[in-house]
Amino acid sequence: MICIVIPKMETDSTYKNNRYLPMKQLLLSLIRMYWNVVPIHKRGPCLFKKTCSHHIYDQTLAHGFLAGMKAFFFRYKNCRGGFSMFKNPLTGKTQMVLRSDKIIGEDEIASRFLRREWSEEKRS
């Protein structure tokens, strides 16, 4: 009886992660360079509590290049104008509808938006 062993390179998750390792390192390096070169006051404001660059960095570090790029495209598409905020009548908590119609809760919204909404309610 002859036994043929076929390597599982294409389905092995370790192989997939190692295949993108140079791109992962490049993406992480670009983000670190952005943090070091662009002053905080020159960076664009973020809708999210965790800034876009930190979120993408964490996703890339933890889950690899493809997850980092997915996070980048999601944040690029949604972290801009075109959102609306509302108070959920069932929970009483503030929520935000993003451009992609995804709803995020108070725990993900940048505190400057929550303070602004609270000050507007106080004036009325």
C-alpha atoms as a PDB file:
ATOM      1  CA  MET A   1       0.000   0.000   0.000  1.00  0.00           C
ATOM      2  CA  ILE A   2       1.351   3.416  -0.981  1.00  0.00           C
ATOM      3  CA  CYS A   3       0.582   6.435   1.201  1.00  0.00           C
ATOM      4  CA  ILE A   4       0.883   9.870  -0.323  1.00  0.00           C
ATOM      5  CA  VAL A   5       1.026  12.846   1.986  1.00  0.00           C
ATOM      6  CA  ILE A   6      -0.232  16.091   0.489  1.00  0.00           C
ATOM      7  CA  PRO A   7       0.873  19.221   2.335  1.00  0.00           C
ATOM      8  CA  LYS A   8      -1.940  21.445   3.545  1.00  0.00           C
ATOM      9  CA  MET A   9      -0.195  24.697   2.724  1.00  0.00           C
ATOM     10  CA  GLU A  10      -3.251  26.425   1.256  1.00  0.00           C
ATOM     11  CA  THR A  11      -5.578  25.625   4.162  1.00  0.00           C
ATOM     12  CA  ASP A  12      -3.085  25.977   6.985  1.00  0.00           C
ATOM     13  CA  SER A  13      -3.827  29.242   8.829  1.00  0.00           C
ATOM     14  CA  THR A  14      -0.172  29.580   9.886  1.00  0.00           C
ATOM     15  CA  TYR A  15       0.878  29.561   6.253  1.00  0.00           C
ATOM     16  CA  LYS A  16      -1.760  32.145   5.342  1.00  0.00           C
ATOM     17  CA  ASN A  17      -0.630  34.442   8.149  1.00  0.00           C
ATOM     18  CA  ASN A  18       3.053  34.055   7.232  1.00  0.00           C
ATOM     19  CA  ARG A  19       2.305  34.752   3.574  1.00  0.00           C
ATOM     20  CA  TYR A  20       1.160  38.270   4.491  1.00  0.00           C
ATOM     21  CA  LEU A  21       3.820  38.882   7.147  1.00  0.00           C
ATOM     22  CA  PRO A  22       5.819  41.422   5.085  1.00  0.00           C
ATOM     23  CA  MET A  23       2.627  43.369   4.322  1.00  0.00           C
ATOM     24  CA  LYS A  24       1.592  43.221   7.976  1.00  0.00           C
ATOM     25  CA  GLN A  25       4.953  44.615   9.047  1.00  0.00           C
ATOM     26  CA  LEU A  26       4.728  47.342   6.394  1.00  0.00           C
ATOM     27  CA  LEU A  27       1.237  48.394   7.530  1.00  0.00           C
ATOM     28  CA  LEU A  28       2.290  48.470  11.197  1.00  0.00           C
ATOM     29  CA  SER A  29       5.389  50.497  10.290  1.00  0.00           C
ATOM     30  CA  LEU A  30       3.344  53.008   8.291  1.00  0.00           C
ATOM     31  CA  ILE A  31       0.973  53.527  11.219  1.00  0.00           C
ATOM     32  CA  ARG A  32       3.860  53.983  13.676  1.00  0.00           C
ATOM     33  CA  MET A  33       5.456  56.455  11.252  1.00  0.00           C
ATOM     34  CA  TYR A  34       2.138  58.349  11.054  1.00  0.00           C
ATOM     35  CA  TRP A  35       2.043  58.554  14.867  1.00  0.00           C
ATOM     36  CA  ASN A  36       5.628  59.862  14.993  1.00  0.00           C
ATOM     37  CA  VAL A  37       5.472  62.295  12.071  1.00  0.00           C
ATOM     38  CA  VAL A  38       1.977  63.818  12.230  1.00  0.00           C
ATOM     39  CA  PRO A  39       1.318  65.830  15.417  1.00  0.00           C
ATOM     40  CA  ILE A  40      -1.838  64.926  17.334  1.00  0.00           C
ATOM     41  CA  HIS A  41      -3.412  68.342  16.748  1.00  0.00           C
ATOM     42  CA  LYS A  42      -2.967  67.920  12.960  1.00  0.00           C
ATOM     43  CA  ARG A  43      -4.720  64.540  12.802  1.00  0.00           C
ATOM     44  CA  GLY A  44      -8.361  64.430  11.791  1.00  0.00           C
ATOM     45  CA  PRO A  45     -10.964  63.947  14.519  1.00  0.00           C
ATOM     46  CA  CYS A  46     -12.378  60.440  14.833  1.00  0.00           C
ATOM     47  CA  LEU A  47     -16.008  59.474  15.452  1.00  0.00           C
ATOM     48  CA  PHE A  48     -14.930  56.452  17.458  1.00  0.00           C
ATOM     49  CA  LYS A  49     -13.632  56.277  21.019  1.00  0.00           C
ATOM     50  CA  LYS A  50     -10.581  54.314  19.841  1.00  0.00           C
ATOM     51  CA  THR A  51      -8.965  56.306  17.056  1.00  0.00           C
ATOM     52  CA  CYS A  52      -8.892  54.822  13.585  1.00  0.00           C
ATOM     53  CA  SER A  53      -5.119  54.394  13.483  1.00  0.00           C
ATOM     54  CA  HIS A  54      -5.062  52.650  16.880  1.00  0.00           C
ATOM     55  CA  HIS A  55      -7.960  50.380  15.901  1.00  0.00           C
ATOM     56  CA  ILE A  56      -6.306  49.393  12.619  1.00  0.00           C
ATOM     57  CA  TYR A  57      -2.955  48.871  14.361  1.00  0.00           C
ATOM     58  CA  ASP A  58      -4.546  46.613  17.013  1.00  0.00           C
ATOM     59  CA  GLN A  59      -6.519  44.613  14.439  1.00  0.00           C
ATOM     60  CA  THR A  60      -3.437  44.116  12.275  1.00  0.00           C
ATOM     61  CA  LEU A  61      -1.272  43.126  15.216  1.00  0.00           C
ATOM     62  CA  ALA A  62      -3.809  40.668  16.632  1.00  0.00           C
ATOM     63  CA  HIS A  63      -5.384  39.204  13.493  1.00  0.00           C
ATOM     64  CA  GLY A  64      -3.031  39.917  10.604  1.00  0.00           C
ATOM     65  CA  PHE A  65      -2.769  42.029   7.490  1.00  0.00           C
ATOM     66  CA  LEU A  66      -6.146  41.161   5.950  1.00  0.00           C
ATOM     67  CA  ALA A  67      -8.018  42.002   9.167  1.00  0.00           C
ATOM     68  CA  GLY A  68      -6.094  45.274   9.363  1.00  0.00           C
ATOM     69  CA  MET A  69      -7.034  46.185   5.808  1.00  0.00           C
ATOM     70  CA  LYS A  70     -10.667  45.264   6.454  1.00  0.00           C
ATOM     71  CA  ALA A  71     -10.628  47.539   9.522  1.00  0.00           C
ATOM     72  CA  PHE A  72      -8.986  50.293   7.464  1.00  0.00           C
ATOM     73  CA  PHE A  73     -11.637  50.214   4.727  1.00  0.00           C
ATOM     74  CA  PHE A  74     -14.477  50.092   7.278  1.00  0.00           C
ATOM     75  CA  ARG A  75     -13.100  53.079   9.190  1.00  0.00           C
ATOM     76  CA  TYR A  76     -12.280  54.989   5.995  1.00  0.00           C
ATOM     77  CA  LYS A  77     -15.835  54.536   4.790  1.00  0.00           C
ATOM     78  CA  ASN A  78     -17.553  55.331   8.104  1.00  0.00           C
ATOM     79  CA  CYS A  79     -15.351  57.746  10.066  1.00  0.00           C
ATOM     80  CA  ARG A  80     -16.565  60.861   8.267  1.00  0.00           C
ATOM     81  CA  GLY A  81     -19.632  63.044   8.115  1.00  0.00           C
ATOM     82  CA  GLY A  82     -22.983  61.591   7.229  1.00  0.00           C
ATOM     83  CA  PHE A  83     -23.714  60.068  10.619  1.00  0.00           C
ATOM     84  CA  SER A  84     -26.628  60.788  12.919  1.00  0.00           C
ATOM     85  CA  MET A  85     -27.063  60.372  16.646  1.00  0.00           C
ATOM     86  CA  PHE A  86     -30.176  59.436  18.559  1.00  0.00           C
ATOM     87  CA  LYS A  87     -31.244  58.325  21.998  1.00  0.00           C
ATOM     88  CA  ASN A  88     -32.609  54.781  21.946  1.00  0.00           C
ATOM     89  CA  PRO A  89     -36.123  54.937  23.449  1.00  0.00           C
ATOM     90  CA  LEU A  90     -35.869  51.377  24.789  1.00  0.00           C
ATOM     91  CA  THR A  91     -32.510  51.637  26.559  1.00  0.00           C
ATOM     92  CA  GLY A  92     -32.190  55.420  26.977  1.00  0.00           C
ATOM     93  CA  LYS A  93     -28.621  55.229  25.666  1.00  0.00           C
ATOM     94  CA  THR A  94     -27.155  57.354  22.899  1.00  0.00           C
ATOM     95  CA  GLN A  95     -26.384  55.573  19.640  1.00  0.00           C
ATOM     96  CA  MET A  96     -24.881  56.638  16.323  1.00  0.00           C
ATOM     97  CA  VAL A  97     -25.920  55.555  12.832  1.00  0.00           C
ATOM     98  CA  LEU A  98     -22.867  55.508  10.555  1.00  0.00           C
ATOM     99  CA  ARG A  99     -22.805  56.148   6.807  1.00  0.00           C
ATOM    100  CA  SER A 100     -23.072  52.402   6.174  1.00  0.00           C
ATOM    101  CA  ASP A 101     -26.225  52.252   8.360  1.00  0.00           C
ATOM    102  CA  LYS A 102     -24.353  50.346  11.071  1.00  0.00           C
ATOM    103  CA  ILE A 103     -25.434  51.394  14.562  1.00  0.00           C
ATOM    104  CA  ILE A 104     -22.828  51.775  17.300  1.00  0.00           C
ATOM    105  CA  GLY A 105     -23.395  52.340  21.011  1.00  0.00           C
ATOM    106  CA  GLU A 106     -22.088  54.824  23.560  1.00  0.00           C
ATOM    107  CA  ASP A 107     -19.145  52.567  24.358  1.00  0.00           C
ATOM    108  CA  GLU A 108     -17.743  53.105  20.828  1.00  0.00           C
ATOM    109  CA  ILE A 109     -18.627  56.786  20.280  1.00  0.00           C
ATOM    110  CA  ALA A 110     -15.946  59.420  20.924  1.00  0.00           C
ATOM    111  CA  SER A 111     -16.659  61.261  24.166  1.00  0.00           C
ATOM    112  CA  ARG A 112     -16.636  64.692  22.468  1.00  0.00           C
ATOM    113  CA  PHE A 113     -19.868  63.753  20.652  1.00  0.00           C
ATOM    114  CA  LEU A 114     -21.484  62.534  23.845  1.00  0.00           C
ATOM    115  CA  ARG A 115     -20.514  65.752  25.676  1.00  0.00           C
ATOM    116  CA  ARG A 116     -21.880  67.856  22.804  1.00  0.00           C
ATOM    117  CA  GLU A 117     -25.208  66.025  22.857  1.00  0.00           C
ATOM    118  CA  TRP A 118     -25.437  66.363  26.638  1.00  0.00           C
ATOM    119  CA  SER A 119     -24.755  70.110  26.486  1.00  0.00           C
ATOM    120  CA  GLU A 120     -27.394  70.551  23.746  1.00  0.00           C
ATOM    121  CA  GLU A 121     -29.970  68.698  25.882  1.00  0.00           C
ATOM    122  CA  LYS A 122     -29.066  70.853  28.878  1.00  0.00           C
ATOM    123  CA  ARG A 123     -29.717  74.065  26.908  1.00  0.00           C
ATOM    124  CA  SER A 124     -33.192  72.963  25.802  1.00  0.00           C
END
